[in-house]
Amino acid sequence: MLDLYQYETATKEECELDLADIIDYLDKYLTNLCNRGLDSDEINALEKKGERIIEIAKRLKEIKE
């Protein structure tokens, strides 16, 4: 997975791979959320994944334009 600052120059393929990893991660934690709720560390991790999704979306938009 790329560092946040690396998304500025990431390729479409790199963005797609990282997005797939994030989706897999979220799928696992959504199951936990439904079963027991999330602890504060998991909530922080989800917040960081959200930041990554935003950066990936920005980069994919730039690539498309």
C-alpha atoms as a PDB file:
ATOM      1  CA  MET A   1       0.000   0.000   0.000  1.00  0.00           C
ATOM      2  CA  LEU A   2       1.268   3.448  -0.908  1.00  0.00           C
ATOM      3  CA  ASP A   3       1.945   6.195   1.603  1.00  0.00           C
ATOM      4  CA  LEU A   4      -0.628   8.990   1.519  1.00  0.00           C
ATOM      5  CA  TYR A   5       1.756  11.439  -0.128  1.00  0.00           C
ATOM      6  CA  GLN A   6       2.522   8.940  -2.906  1.00  0.00           C
ATOM      7  CA  TYR A   7      -0.995   9.114  -4.326  1.00  0.00           C
ATOM      8  CA  GLU A   8      -0.083  12.425  -5.975  1.00  0.00           C
ATOM      9  CA  THR A   9       1.907  10.466  -8.571  1.00  0.00           C
ATOM     10  CA  ALA A  10       0.325   7.012  -8.337  1.00  0.00           C
ATOM     11  CA  THR A  11      -0.723   5.139 -11.436  1.00  0.00           C
ATOM     12  CA  LYS A  12      -4.277   4.017 -12.051  1.00  0.00           C
ATOM     13  CA  GLU A  13      -3.208   0.436 -11.345  1.00  0.00           C
ATOM     14  CA  GLU A  14      -1.595   1.351  -8.013  1.00  0.00           C
ATOM     15  CA  CYS A  15      -4.737   3.194  -6.968  1.00  0.00           C
ATOM     16  CA  GLU A  16      -6.943   0.266  -7.963  1.00  0.00           C
ATOM     17  CA  LEU A  17      -4.780  -2.233  -6.042  1.00  0.00           C
ATOM     18  CA  ASP A  18      -4.829  -0.099  -2.901  1.00  0.00           C
ATOM     19  CA  LEU A  19      -8.571   0.421  -3.226  1.00  0.00           C
ATOM     20  CA  ALA A  20      -9.084  -3.345  -3.488  1.00  0.00           C
ATOM     21  CA  ASP A  21      -6.995  -3.832  -0.318  1.00  0.00           C
ATOM     22  CA  ILE A  22      -9.076  -1.227   1.498  1.00  0.00           C
ATOM     23  CA  ILE A  23     -12.320  -2.891   0.401  1.00  0.00           C
ATOM     24  CA  ASP A  24     -11.083  -6.246   1.709  1.00  0.00           C
ATOM     25  CA  TYR A  25     -10.117  -4.616   5.015  1.00  0.00           C
ATOM     26  CA  LEU A  26     -13.481  -2.896   5.344  1.00  0.00           C
ATOM     27  CA  ASP A  27     -15.322  -6.109   4.579  1.00  0.00           C
ATOM     28  CA  LYS A  28     -13.613  -7.812   7.528  1.00  0.00           C
ATOM     29  CA  TYR A  29     -14.280  -4.973   9.948  1.00  0.00           C
ATOM     30  CA  LEU A  30     -17.879  -4.477   8.905  1.00  0.00           C
ATOM     31  CA  THR A  31     -18.464  -8.063   9.989  1.00  0.00           C
ATOM     32  CA  ASN A  32     -16.918  -7.206  13.384  1.00  0.00           C
ATOM     33  CA  LEU A  33     -19.049  -4.098  13.634  1.00  0.00           C
ATOM     34  CA  CYS A  34     -22.209  -6.118  13.093  1.00  0.00           C
ATOM     35  CA  ASN A  35     -21.124  -8.812  15.560  1.00  0.00           C
ATOM     36  CA  ARG A  36     -19.554  -6.899  18.453  1.00  0.00           C
ATOM     37  CA  GLY A  37     -18.891  -3.267  17.603  1.00  0.00           C
ATOM     38  CA  LEU A  38     -15.514  -1.683  16.985  1.00  0.00           C
ATOM     39  CA  ASP A  39     -12.923  -0.608  19.531  1.00  0.00           C
ATOM     40  CA  SER A  40     -11.161   2.754  19.370  1.00  0.00           C
ATOM     41  CA  ASP A  41      -8.118   1.355  17.518  1.00  0.00           C
ATOM     42  CA  GLU A  42     -10.354  -0.125  14.832  1.00  0.00           C
ATOM     43  CA  ILE A  43     -12.244   3.154  14.529  1.00  0.00           C
ATOM     44  CA  ASN A  44      -8.939   5.015  14.073  1.00  0.00           C
ATOM     45  CA  ALA A  45      -7.883   2.512  11.433  1.00  0.00           C
ATOM     46  CA  LEU A  46     -11.176   3.016   9.591  1.00  0.00           C
ATOM     47  CA  GLU A  47     -10.641   6.765   9.675  1.00  0.00           C
ATOM     48  CA  LYS A  48      -7.199   6.328   8.080  1.00  0.00           C
ATOM     49  CA  LYS A  49      -8.671   4.068   5.404  1.00  0.00           C
ATOM     50  CA  GLY A  50     -11.213   6.809   4.681  1.00  0.00           C
ATOM     51  CA  GLU A  51      -8.389   9.299   4.172  1.00  0.00           C
ATOM     52  CA  ARG A  52      -6.786   6.889   1.714  1.00  0.00           C
ATOM     53  CA  ILE A  53     -10.039   6.492  -0.205  1.00  0.00           C
ATOM     54  CA  ILE A  54     -10.265  10.277  -0.554  1.00  0.00           C
ATOM     55  CA  GLU A  55      -6.680  10.513  -1.861  1.00  0.00           C
ATOM     56  CA  ILE A  56      -7.233   7.617  -4.279  1.00  0.00           C
ATOM     57  CA  ALA A  57     -10.431   9.234  -5.589  1.00  0.00           C
ATOM     58  CA  LYS A  58      -8.620  12.540  -6.127  1.00  0.00           C
ATOM     59  CA  ARG A  59      -5.840  10.829  -8.041  1.00  0.00           C
ATOM     60  CA  LEU A  60      -8.188   8.751 -10.184  1.00  0.00           C
ATOM     61  CA  LYS A  61     -10.086  11.930 -11.045  1.00  0.00           C
ATOM     62  CA  GLU A  62      -6.817  13.620 -12.070  1.00  0.00           C
ATOM     63  CA  ILE A  63      -5.840  10.648 -14.209  1.00  0.00           C
ATOM     64  CA  LYS A  64      -9.209  10.629 -15.927  1.00  0.00           C
ATOM     65  CA  GLU A  65      -9.051  14.350 -16.764  1.00  0.00           C
END
